[in-house]
């Protein structure tokens, strides 16, 4: 007959369960933030929507881009949006 082993204290089960939950939440958060970044990086209309509704997010996007090396994205978007605004008003 196998000897009985004592169960782990309940605090350790709580810590393990919490760590697993935290890991899953972090993975979901990372995937969501990467999805938003990818969409902002590839879709100018989405950047315009973000600019209209959440301008601070777009400002951080441009700052990160300037640190990485794409310093002309802000100006290119501003030029495009101003030219399309002129076309719409005509």
PDB file of N, CA and C in Angstrom:
ATOM      1  N   UNK A   1       0.835  -1.170   0.000  1.00  0.00           N
ATOM      2  CA  UNK A   1       0.000   0.000   0.000  1.00  0.00           C
ATOM      3  C   UNK A   1       0.888   1.245   0.000  1.00  0.00           C
ATOM      4  N   UNK A   2       0.475   2.240  -0.777  1.00  0.00           N
ATOM      5  CA  UNK A   2       1.248   3.472  -0.893  1.00  0.00           C
ATOM      6  C   UNK A   2       1.056   4.328   0.347  1.00  0.00           C
ATOM      7  N   UNK A   3       2.145   4.958   0.776  1.00  0.00           N
ATOM      8  CA  UNK A   3       2.003   5.850   1.935  1.00  0.00           C
ATOM      9  C   UNK A   3       1.234   7.117   1.529  1.00  0.00           C
ATOM     10  N   UNK A   4       0.456   7.635   2.451  1.00  0.00           N
ATOM     11  CA  UNK A   4      -0.314   8.841   2.197  1.00  0.00           C
ATOM     12  C   UNK A   4       0.609  10.055   2.281  1.00  0.00           C
ATOM     13  N   UNK A   5       0.458  10.948   1.323  1.00  0.00           N
ATOM     14  CA  UNK A   5       1.237  12.180   1.368  1.00  0.00           C
ATOM     15  C   UNK A   5       0.307  13.312   1.795  1.00  0.00           C
ATOM     16  N   UNK A   6       0.826  14.221   2.581  1.00  0.00           N
ATOM     17  CA  UNK A   6      -0.034  15.319   3.038  1.00  0.00           C
ATOM     18  C   UNK A   6      -0.354  16.271   1.879  1.00  0.00           C
ATOM     19  N   UNK A   7      -1.543  16.853   1.910  1.00  0.00           N
ATOM     20  CA  UNK A   7      -1.946  17.818   0.891  1.00  0.00           C
ATOM     21  C   UNK A   7      -1.181  19.123   1.102  1.00  0.00           C
ATOM     22  N   UNK A   8      -0.981  19.826   0.015  1.00  0.00           N
ATOM     23  CA  UNK A   8      -0.312  21.125   0.108  1.00  0.00           C
ATOM     24  C   UNK A   8      -1.230  22.088   0.852  1.00  0.00           C
ATOM     25  N   UNK A   9      -0.643  22.997   1.601  1.00  0.00           N
ATOM     26  CA  UNK A   9      -1.490  23.987   2.297  1.00  0.00           C
ATOM     27  C   UNK A   9      -2.327  24.784   1.296  1.00  0.00           C
ATOM     28  N   UNK A  10      -3.463  25.216   1.745  1.00  0.00           N
ATOM     29  CA  UNK A  10      -4.393  25.901   0.851  1.00  0.00           C
ATOM     30  C   UNK A  10      -3.813  27.217   0.330  1.00  0.00           C
ATOM     31  N   UNK A  11      -2.901  27.829   1.059  1.00  0.00           N
ATOM     32  CA  UNK A  11      -2.318  29.085   0.592  1.00  0.00           C
ATOM     33  C   UNK A  11      -1.508  28.851  -0.678  1.00  0.00           C
ATOM     34  N   UNK A  12      -0.821  27.712  -0.774  1.00  0.00           N
ATOM     35  CA  UNK A  12      -0.021  27.421  -1.964  1.00  0.00           C
ATOM     36  C   UNK A  12      -0.918  27.140  -3.168  1.00  0.00           C
ATOM     37  N   UNK A  13      -2.032  26.481  -2.927  1.00  0.00           N
ATOM     38  CA  UNK A  13      -2.979  26.266  -4.025  1.00  0.00           C
ATOM     39  C   UNK A  13      -3.530  27.596  -4.525  1.00  0.00           C
ATOM     40  N   UNK A  14      -3.803  28.511  -3.593  1.00  0.00           N
ATOM     41  CA  UNK A  14      -4.283  29.850  -3.963  1.00  0.00           C
ATOM     42  C   UNK A  14      -3.218  30.598  -4.760  1.00  0.00           C
ATOM     43  N   UNK A  15      -1.961  30.527  -4.339  1.00  0.00           N
ATOM     44  CA  UNK A  15      -0.875  31.218  -5.038  1.00  0.00           C
ATOM     45  C   UNK A  15      -0.705  30.647  -6.446  1.00  0.00           C
ATOM     46  N   UNK A  16      -0.736  29.329  -6.579  1.00  0.00           N
ATOM     47  CA  UNK A  16      -0.584  28.708  -7.895  1.00  0.00           C
ATOM     48  C   UNK A  16      -1.747  29.083  -8.810  1.00  0.00           C
ATOM     49  N   UNK A  17      -2.955  29.038  -8.292  1.00  0.00           N
ATOM     50  CA  UNK A  17      -4.119  29.413  -9.091  1.00  0.00           C
ATOM     51  C   UNK A  17      -4.080  30.879  -9.497  1.00  0.00           C
ATOM     52  N   UNK A  18      -3.657  31.734  -8.582  1.00  0.00           N
ATOM     53  CA  UNK A  18      -3.556  33.166  -8.886  1.00  0.00           C
ATOM     54  C   UNK A  18      -2.480  33.418  -9.935  1.00  0.00           C
ATOM     55  N   UNK A  19      -1.363  32.725  -9.834  1.00  0.00           N
ATOM     56  CA  UNK A  19      -0.286  32.901 -10.806  1.00  0.00           C
ATOM     57  C   UNK A  19      -0.734  32.469 -12.199  1.00  0.00           C
ATOM     58  N   UNK A  20      -1.457  31.368 -12.280  1.00  0.00           N
ATOM     59  CA  UNK A  20      -1.955  30.915 -13.578  1.00  0.00           C
ATOM     60  C   UNK A  20      -2.940  31.929 -14.158  1.00  0.00           C
ATOM     61  N   UNK A  21      -3.830  32.432 -13.324  1.00  0.00           N
ATOM     62  CA  UNK A  21      -4.805  33.419 -13.775  1.00  0.00           C
ATOM     63  C   UNK A  21      -4.108  34.691 -14.236  1.00  0.00           C
ATOM     64  N   UNK A  22      -3.126  35.148 -13.473  1.00  0.00           N
ATOM     65  CA  UNK A  22      -2.382  36.343 -13.840  1.00  0.00           C
ATOM     66  C   UNK A  22      -1.650  36.147 -15.164  1.00  0.00           C
ATOM     67  N   UNK A  23      -1.064  34.983 -15.363  1.00  0.00           N
ATOM     68  CA  UNK A  23      -0.365  34.696 -16.606  1.00  0.00           C
ATOM     69  C   UNK A  23      -1.323  34.742 -17.794  1.00  0.00           C
ATOM     70  N   UNK A  24      -2.487  34.166 -17.654  1.00  0.00           N
ATOM     71  CA  UNK A  24      -3.481  34.164 -18.738  1.00  0.00           C
ATOM     72  C   UNK A  24      -3.949  35.591 -19.025  1.00  0.00           C
ATOM     73  N   UNK A  25      -4.211  36.375 -17.985  1.00  0.00           N
ATOM     74  CA  UNK A  25      -4.652  37.757 -18.180  1.00  0.00           C
ATOM     75  C   UNK A  25      -3.576  38.594 -18.858  1.00  0.00           C
ATOM     76  N   UNK A  26      -2.320  38.397 -18.481  1.00  0.00           N
ATOM     77  CA  UNK A  26      -1.232  39.121 -19.127  1.00  0.00           C
ATOM     78  C   UNK A  26      -1.107  38.734 -20.598  1.00  0.00           C
ATOM     79  N   UNK A  27      -1.266  37.465 -20.902  1.00  0.00           N
ATOM     80  CA  UNK A  27      -1.191  37.014 -22.296  1.00  0.00           C
ATOM     81  C   UNK A  27      -2.326  37.625 -23.112  1.00  0.00           C
ATOM     82  N   UNK A  28      -3.525  37.679 -22.554  1.00  0.00           N
ATOM     83  CA  UNK A  28      -4.658  38.292 -23.250  1.00  0.00           C
ATOM     84  C   UNK A  28      -4.419  39.784 -23.442  1.00  0.00           C
ATOM     85  N   UNK A  29      -3.912  40.453 -22.418  1.00  0.00           N
ATOM     86  CA  UNK A  29      -3.607  41.883 -22.524  1.00  0.00           C
ATOM     87  C   UNK A  29      -2.541  42.172 -23.566  1.00  0.00           C
ATOM     88  N   UNK A  30      -1.506  41.332 -23.613  1.00  0.00           N
ATOM     89  CA  UNK A  30      -0.457  41.508 -24.608  1.00  0.00           C
ATOM     90  C   UNK A  30      -1.006  41.304 -26.013  1.00  0.00           C
ATOM     91  N   UNK A  31      -1.812  40.272 -26.207  1.00  0.00           N
ATOM     92  CA  UNK A  31      -2.378  40.004 -27.524  1.00  0.00           C
ATOM     93  C   UNK A  31      -3.290  41.150 -27.973  1.00  0.00           C
ATOM     94  N   UNK A  32      -4.086  41.681 -27.063  1.00  0.00           N
ATOM     95  CA  UNK A  32      -4.979  42.783 -27.408  1.00  0.00           C
ATOM     96  C   UNK A  32      -4.192  44.045 -27.755  1.00  0.00           C
ATOM     97  N   UNK A  33      -3.160  44.353 -26.969  1.00  0.00           N
ATOM     98  CA  UNK A  33      -2.367  45.551 -27.258  1.00  0.00           C
ATOM     99  C   UNK A  33      -1.603  45.401 -28.564  1.00  0.00           C
ATOM    100  N   UNK A  34      -1.105  44.199 -28.858  1.00  0.00           N
ATOM    101  CA  UNK A  34      -0.431  43.990 -30.132  1.00  0.00           C
ATOM    102  C   UNK A  34      -1.411  44.120 -31.289  1.00  0.00           C
ATOM    103  N   UNK A  35      -2.629  43.627 -31.114  1.00  0.00           N
ATOM    104  CA  UNK A  35      -3.637  43.751 -32.160  1.00  0.00           C
ATOM    105  C   UNK A  35      -3.971  45.199 -32.462  1.00  0.00           C
ATOM    106  N   UNK A  36      -4.112  46.019 -31.427  1.00  0.00           N
ATOM    107  CA  UNK A  36      -4.393  47.442 -31.631  1.00  0.00           C
ATOM    108  C   UNK A  36      -3.197  48.115 -32.294  1.00  0.00           C
ATOM    109  N   UNK A  37      -1.974  47.786 -31.853  1.00  0.00           N
ATOM    110  CA  UNK A  37      -0.776  48.370 -32.461  1.00  0.00           C
ATOM    111  C   UNK A  37      -0.675  47.977 -33.939  1.00  0.00           C
ATOM    112  N   UNK A  38      -0.920  46.723 -34.244  1.00  0.00           N
ATOM    113  CA  UNK A  38      -0.840  46.264 -35.628  1.00  0.00           C
ATOM    114  C   UNK A  38      -1.863  46.990 -36.497  1.00  0.00           C
ATOM    115  N   UNK A  39      -3.063  47.142 -35.980  1.00  0.00           N
ATOM    116  CA  UNK A  39      -4.103  47.827 -36.755  1.00  0.00           C
ATOM    117  C   UNK A  39      -3.766  49.298 -36.938  1.00  0.00           C
ATOM    118  N   UNK A  40      -3.196  49.936 -35.909  1.00  0.00           N
ATOM    119  CA  UNK A  40      -2.786  51.327 -36.040  1.00  0.00           C
ATOM    120  C   UNK A  40      -1.631  51.457 -37.029  1.00  0.00           C
ATOM    121  N   UNK A  41      -0.785  50.472 -37.074  1.00  0.00           N
ATOM    122  CA  UNK A  41       0.385  50.519 -37.936  1.00  0.00           C
ATOM    123  C   UNK A  41       0.028  50.287 -39.399  1.00  0.00           C
ATOM    124  N   UNK A  42      -1.098  49.653 -39.687  1.00  0.00           N
ATOM    125  CA  UNK A  42      -1.437  49.295 -41.058  1.00  0.00           C
ATOM    126  C   UNK A  42      -2.668  49.996 -41.602  1.00  0.00           C
ATOM    127  N   UNK A  43      -3.412  50.729 -40.788  1.00  0.00           N
ATOM    128  CA  UNK A  43      -4.681  51.280 -41.231  1.00  0.00           C
ATOM    129  C   UNK A  43      -4.770  52.764 -40.854  1.00  0.00           C
ATOM    130  N   UNK A  44      -4.653  53.627 -41.854  1.00  0.00           N
ATOM    131  CA  UNK A  44      -4.670  55.070 -41.610  1.00  0.00           C
ATOM    132  C   UNK A  44      -6.037  55.540 -41.116  1.00  0.00           C
ATOM    133  N   UNK A  45      -7.120  54.938 -41.615  1.00  0.00           N
ATOM    134  CA  UNK A  45      -8.453  55.334 -41.158  1.00  0.00           C
ATOM    135  C   UNK A  45      -8.662  55.006 -39.681  1.00  0.00           C
ATOM    136  N   UNK A  46      -8.086  53.889 -39.241  1.00  0.00           N
ATOM    137  CA  UNK A  46      -8.177  53.539 -37.820  1.00  0.00           C
ATOM    138  C   UNK A  46      -7.399  54.552 -36.977  1.00  0.00           C
ATOM    139  N   UNK A  47      -6.242  54.995 -37.482  1.00  0.00           N
ATOM    140  CA  UNK A  47      -5.482  56.025 -36.764  1.00  0.00           C
ATOM    141  C   UNK A  47      -6.286  57.315 -36.683  1.00  0.00           C
ATOM    142  N   UNK A  48      -7.024  57.642 -37.741  1.00  0.00           N
ATOM    143  CA  UNK A  48      -7.852  58.841 -37.708  1.00  0.00           C
ATOM    144  C   UNK A  48      -8.975  58.690 -36.675  1.00  0.00           C
ATOM    145  N   UNK A  49      -9.582  57.512 -36.615  1.00  0.00           N
ATOM    146  CA  UNK A  49     -10.606  57.252 -35.599  1.00  0.00           C
ATOM    147  C   UNK A  49     -10.025  57.401 -34.191  1.00  0.00           C
ATOM    148  N   UNK A  50      -8.834  56.834 -33.982  1.00  0.00           N
ATOM    149  CA  UNK A  50      -8.177  56.959 -32.670  1.00  0.00           C
ATOM    150  C   UNK A  50      -7.865  58.422 -32.385  1.00  0.00           C
ATOM    151  N   UNK A  51      -7.438  59.161 -33.401  1.00  0.00           N
ATOM    152  CA  UNK A  51      -7.125  60.579 -33.209  1.00  0.00           C
ATOM    153  C   UNK A  51      -8.365  61.366 -32.800  1.00  0.00           C
ATOM    154  N   UNK A  52      -9.502  61.041 -33.374  1.00  0.00           N
ATOM    155  CA  UNK A  52     -10.737  61.757 -33.054  1.00  0.00           C
ATOM    156  C   UNK A  52     -11.267  61.392 -31.666  1.00  0.00           C
ATOM    157  N   UNK A  53     -11.105  60.141 -31.247  1.00  0.00           N
ATOM    158  CA  UNK A  53     -11.701  59.688 -29.991  1.00  0.00           C
ATOM    159  C   UNK A  53     -10.718  59.555 -28.827  1.00  0.00           C
ATOM    160  N   UNK A  54      -9.490  59.155 -29.113  1.00  0.00           N
ATOM    161  CA  UNK A  54      -8.477  58.943 -28.066  1.00  0.00           C
ATOM    162  C   UNK A  54      -7.146  59.536 -28.517  1.00  0.00           C
ATOM    163  N   UNK A  55      -7.033  60.870 -28.577  1.00  0.00           N
ATOM    164  CA  UNK A  55      -5.815  61.474 -29.130  1.00  0.00           C
ATOM    165  C   UNK A  55      -4.550  61.153 -28.330  1.00  0.00           C
ATOM    166  N   UNK A  56      -4.667  60.922 -27.025  1.00  0.00           N
ATOM    167  CA  UNK A  56      -3.484  60.611 -26.224  1.00  0.00           C
ATOM    168  C   UNK A  56      -2.882  59.268 -26.628  1.00  0.00           C
ATOM    169  N   UNK A  57      -3.717  58.325 -27.069  1.00  0.00           N
ATOM    170  CA  UNK A  57      -3.212  57.022 -27.509  1.00  0.00           C
ATOM    171  C   UNK A  57      -2.403  57.190 -28.790  1.00  0.00           C
ATOM    172  N   UNK A  58      -2.916  57.992 -29.712  1.00  0.00           N
ATOM    173  CA  UNK A  58      -2.205  58.221 -30.960  1.00  0.00           C
ATOM    174  C   UNK A  58      -0.902  58.970 -30.712  1.00  0.00           C
ATOM    175  N   UNK A  59      -0.893  59.869 -29.745  1.00  0.00           N
ATOM    176  CA  UNK A  59       0.341  60.579 -29.410  1.00  0.00           C
ATOM    177  C   UNK A  59       1.408  59.609 -28.911  1.00  0.00           C
ATOM    178  N   UNK A  60       1.030  58.670 -28.062  1.00  0.00           N
ATOM    179  CA  UNK A  60       1.987  57.656 -27.608  1.00  0.00           C
ATOM    180  C   UNK A  60       2.462  56.776 -28.758  1.00  0.00           C
ATOM    181  N   UNK A  61       1.555  56.451 -29.675  1.00  0.00           N
ATOM    182  CA  UNK A  61       1.932  55.654 -30.847  1.00  0.00           C
ATOM    183  C   UNK A  61       3.006  56.387 -31.656  1.00  0.00           C
ATOM    184  N   UNK A  62       2.800  57.690 -31.885  1.00  0.00           N
ATOM    185  CA  UNK A  62       3.779  58.462 -32.645  1.00  0.00           C
ATOM    186  C   UNK A  62       5.101  58.584 -31.886  1.00  0.00           C
ATOM    187  N   UNK A  63       5.032  58.753 -30.566  1.00  0.00           N
ATOM    188  CA  UNK A  63       6.273  58.861 -29.778  1.00  0.00           C
ATOM    189  C   UNK A  63       7.082  57.566 -29.854  1.00  0.00           C
ATOM    190  N   UNK A  64       6.411  56.437 -29.771  1.00  0.00           N
ATOM    191  CA  UNK A  64       7.112  55.152 -29.886  1.00  0.00           C
ATOM    192  C   UNK A  64       7.708  55.017 -31.281  1.00  0.00           C
ATOM    193  N   UNK A  65       6.959  55.424 -32.300  1.00  0.00           N
ATOM    194  CA  UNK A  65       7.471  55.377 -33.660  1.00  0.00           C
ATOM    195  C   UNK A  65       8.681  56.271 -33.861  1.00  0.00           C
ATOM    196  N   UNK A  66       8.669  57.441 -33.226  1.00  0.00           N
ATOM    197  CA  UNK A  66       9.823  58.334 -33.333  1.00  0.00           C
ATOM    198  C   UNK A  66      11.042  57.768 -32.633  1.00  0.00           C
ATOM    199  N   UNK A  67      10.835  57.060 -31.532  1.00  0.00           N
ATOM    200  CA  UNK A  67      11.966  56.421 -30.858  1.00  0.00           C
ATOM    201  C   UNK A  67      12.549  55.291 -31.691  1.00  0.00           C
ATOM    202  N   UNK A  68      11.691  54.549 -32.367  1.00  0.00           N
ATOM    203  CA  UNK A  68      12.144  53.414 -33.173  1.00  0.00           C
ATOM    204  C   UNK A  68      12.783  53.902 -34.470  1.00  0.00           C
ATOM    205  N   UNK A  69      12.284  54.999 -35.031  1.00  0.00           N
ATOM    206  CA  UNK A  69      12.920  55.526 -36.219  1.00  0.00           C
ATOM    207  C   UNK A  69      11.996  56.050 -37.294  1.00  0.00           C
ATOM    208  N   UNK A  70      10.678  55.842 -37.190  1.00  0.00           N
ATOM    209  CA  UNK A  70       9.749  56.344 -38.193  1.00  0.00           C
ATOM    210  C   UNK A  70       9.242  57.713 -37.761  1.00  0.00           C
ATOM    211  N   UNK A  71      10.048  58.739 -37.994  1.00  0.00           N
ATOM    212  CA  UNK A  71       9.720  60.064 -37.476  1.00  0.00           C
ATOM    213  C   UNK A  71       8.771  60.839 -38.383  1.00  0.00           C
ATOM    214  N   UNK A  72       8.462  60.325 -39.566  1.00  0.00           N
ATOM    215  CA  UNK A  72       7.635  61.065 -40.516  1.00  0.00           C
ATOM    216  C   UNK A  72       6.170  60.645 -40.507  1.00  0.00           C
ATOM    217  N   UNK A  73       5.800  59.685 -39.710  1.00  0.00           N
ATOM    218  CA  UNK A  73       4.430  59.176 -39.718  1.00  0.00           C
ATOM    219  C   UNK A  73       3.436  60.226 -39.254  1.00  0.00           C
ATOM    220  N   UNK A  74       3.780  60.978 -38.230  1.00  0.00           N
ATOM    221  CA  UNK A  74       2.869  61.998 -37.706  1.00  0.00           C
ATOM    222  C   UNK A  74       2.577  63.054 -38.769  1.00  0.00           C
ATOM    223  N   UNK A  75       3.620  63.525 -39.422  1.00  0.00           N
ATOM    224  CA  UNK A  75       3.454  64.550 -40.449  1.00  0.00           C
ATOM    225  C   UNK A  75       2.715  64.011 -41.669  1.00  0.00           C
ATOM    226  N   UNK A  76       3.006  62.790 -42.059  1.00  0.00           N
ATOM    227  CA  UNK A  76       2.333  62.190 -43.213  1.00  0.00           C
ATOM    228  C   UNK A  76       0.833  62.044 -42.946  1.00  0.00           C
ATOM    229  N   UNK A  77       0.480  61.601 -41.745  1.00  0.00           N
ATOM    230  CA  UNK A  77      -0.943  61.477 -41.407  1.00  0.00           C
ATOM    231  C   UNK A  77      -1.615  62.846 -41.376  1.00  0.00           C
ATOM    232  N   UNK A  78      -0.965  63.830 -40.791  1.00  0.00           N
ATOM    233  CA  UNK A  78      -1.547  65.168 -40.720  1.00  0.00           C
ATOM    234  C   UNK A  78      -1.767  65.736 -42.121  1.00  0.00           C
ATOM    235  N   UNK A  79      -0.804  65.543 -43.007  1.00  0.00           N
ATOM    236  CA  UNK A  79      -0.963  66.027 -44.385  1.00  0.00           C
ATOM    237  C   UNK A  79      -2.109  65.310 -45.088  1.00  0.00           C
ATOM    238  N   UNK A  80      -2.200  63.997 -44.920  1.00  0.00           N
ATOM    239  CA  UNK A  80      -3.264  63.228 -45.575  1.00  0.00           C
ATOM    240  C   UNK A  80      -4.636  63.641 -45.048  1.00  0.00           C
ATOM    241  N   UNK A  81      -4.756  63.772 -43.724  1.00  0.00           N
ATOM    242  CA  UNK A  81      -6.049  64.122 -43.149  1.00  0.00           C
ATOM    243  C   UNK A  81      -6.467  65.541 -43.523  1.00  0.00           C
ATOM    244  N   UNK A  82      -5.514  66.462 -43.597  1.00  0.00           N
ATOM    245  CA  UNK A  82      -5.876  67.825 -43.976  1.00  0.00           C
ATOM    246  C   UNK A  82      -6.281  67.874 -45.462  1.00  0.00           C
ATOM    247  N   UNK A  83      -5.624  67.074 -46.302  1.00  0.00           N
ATOM    248  CA  UNK A  83      -6.000  67.082 -47.724  1.00  0.00           C
ATOM    249  C   UNK A  83      -7.359  66.423 -47.937  1.00  0.00           C
ATOM    250  N   UNK A  84      -7.673  65.380 -47.181  1.00  0.00           N
ATOM    251  CA  UNK A  84      -8.996  64.764 -47.332  1.00  0.00           C
ATOM    252  C   UNK A  84     -10.082  65.629 -46.731  1.00  0.00           C
ATOM    253  N   UNK A  85      -9.763  66.416 -45.708  1.00  0.00           N
ATOM    254  CA  UNK A  85     -10.749  67.321 -45.117  1.00  0.00           C
ATOM    255  C   UNK A  85     -11.089  68.427 -46.100  1.00  0.00           C
ATOM    256  N   UNK A  86     -10.108  68.886 -46.868  1.00  0.00           N
ATOM    257  CA  UNK A  86     -10.361  69.925 -47.873  1.00  0.00           C
ATOM    258  C   UNK A  86     -11.241  69.363 -48.983  1.00  0.00           C
ATOM    259  N   UNK A  87     -11.001  68.112 -49.391  1.00  0.00           N
ATOM    260  CA  UNK A  87     -11.800  67.502 -50.446  1.00  0.00           C
ATOM    261  C   UNK A  87     -13.245  67.297 -50.004  1.00  0.00           C
ATOM    262  N   UNK A  88     -13.430  66.954 -48.728  1.00  0.00           N
ATOM    263  CA  UNK A  88     -14.794  66.732 -48.220  1.00  0.00           C
ATOM    264  C   UNK A  88     -15.578  68.034 -48.145  1.00  0.00           C
ATOM    265  N   UNK A  89     -14.901  69.132 -47.812  1.00  0.00           N
ATOM    266  CA  UNK A  89     -15.604  70.408 -47.642  1.00  0.00           C
ATOM    267  C   UNK A  89     -15.971  71.045 -48.965  1.00  0.00           C
ATOM    268  N   UNK A  90     -15.352  70.607 -50.048  1.00  0.00           N
ATOM    269  CA  UNK A  90     -15.661  71.200 -51.362  1.00  0.00           C
ATOM    270  C   UNK A  90     -16.949  70.703 -51.943  1.00  0.00           C
TER     271      UNK A  90
END
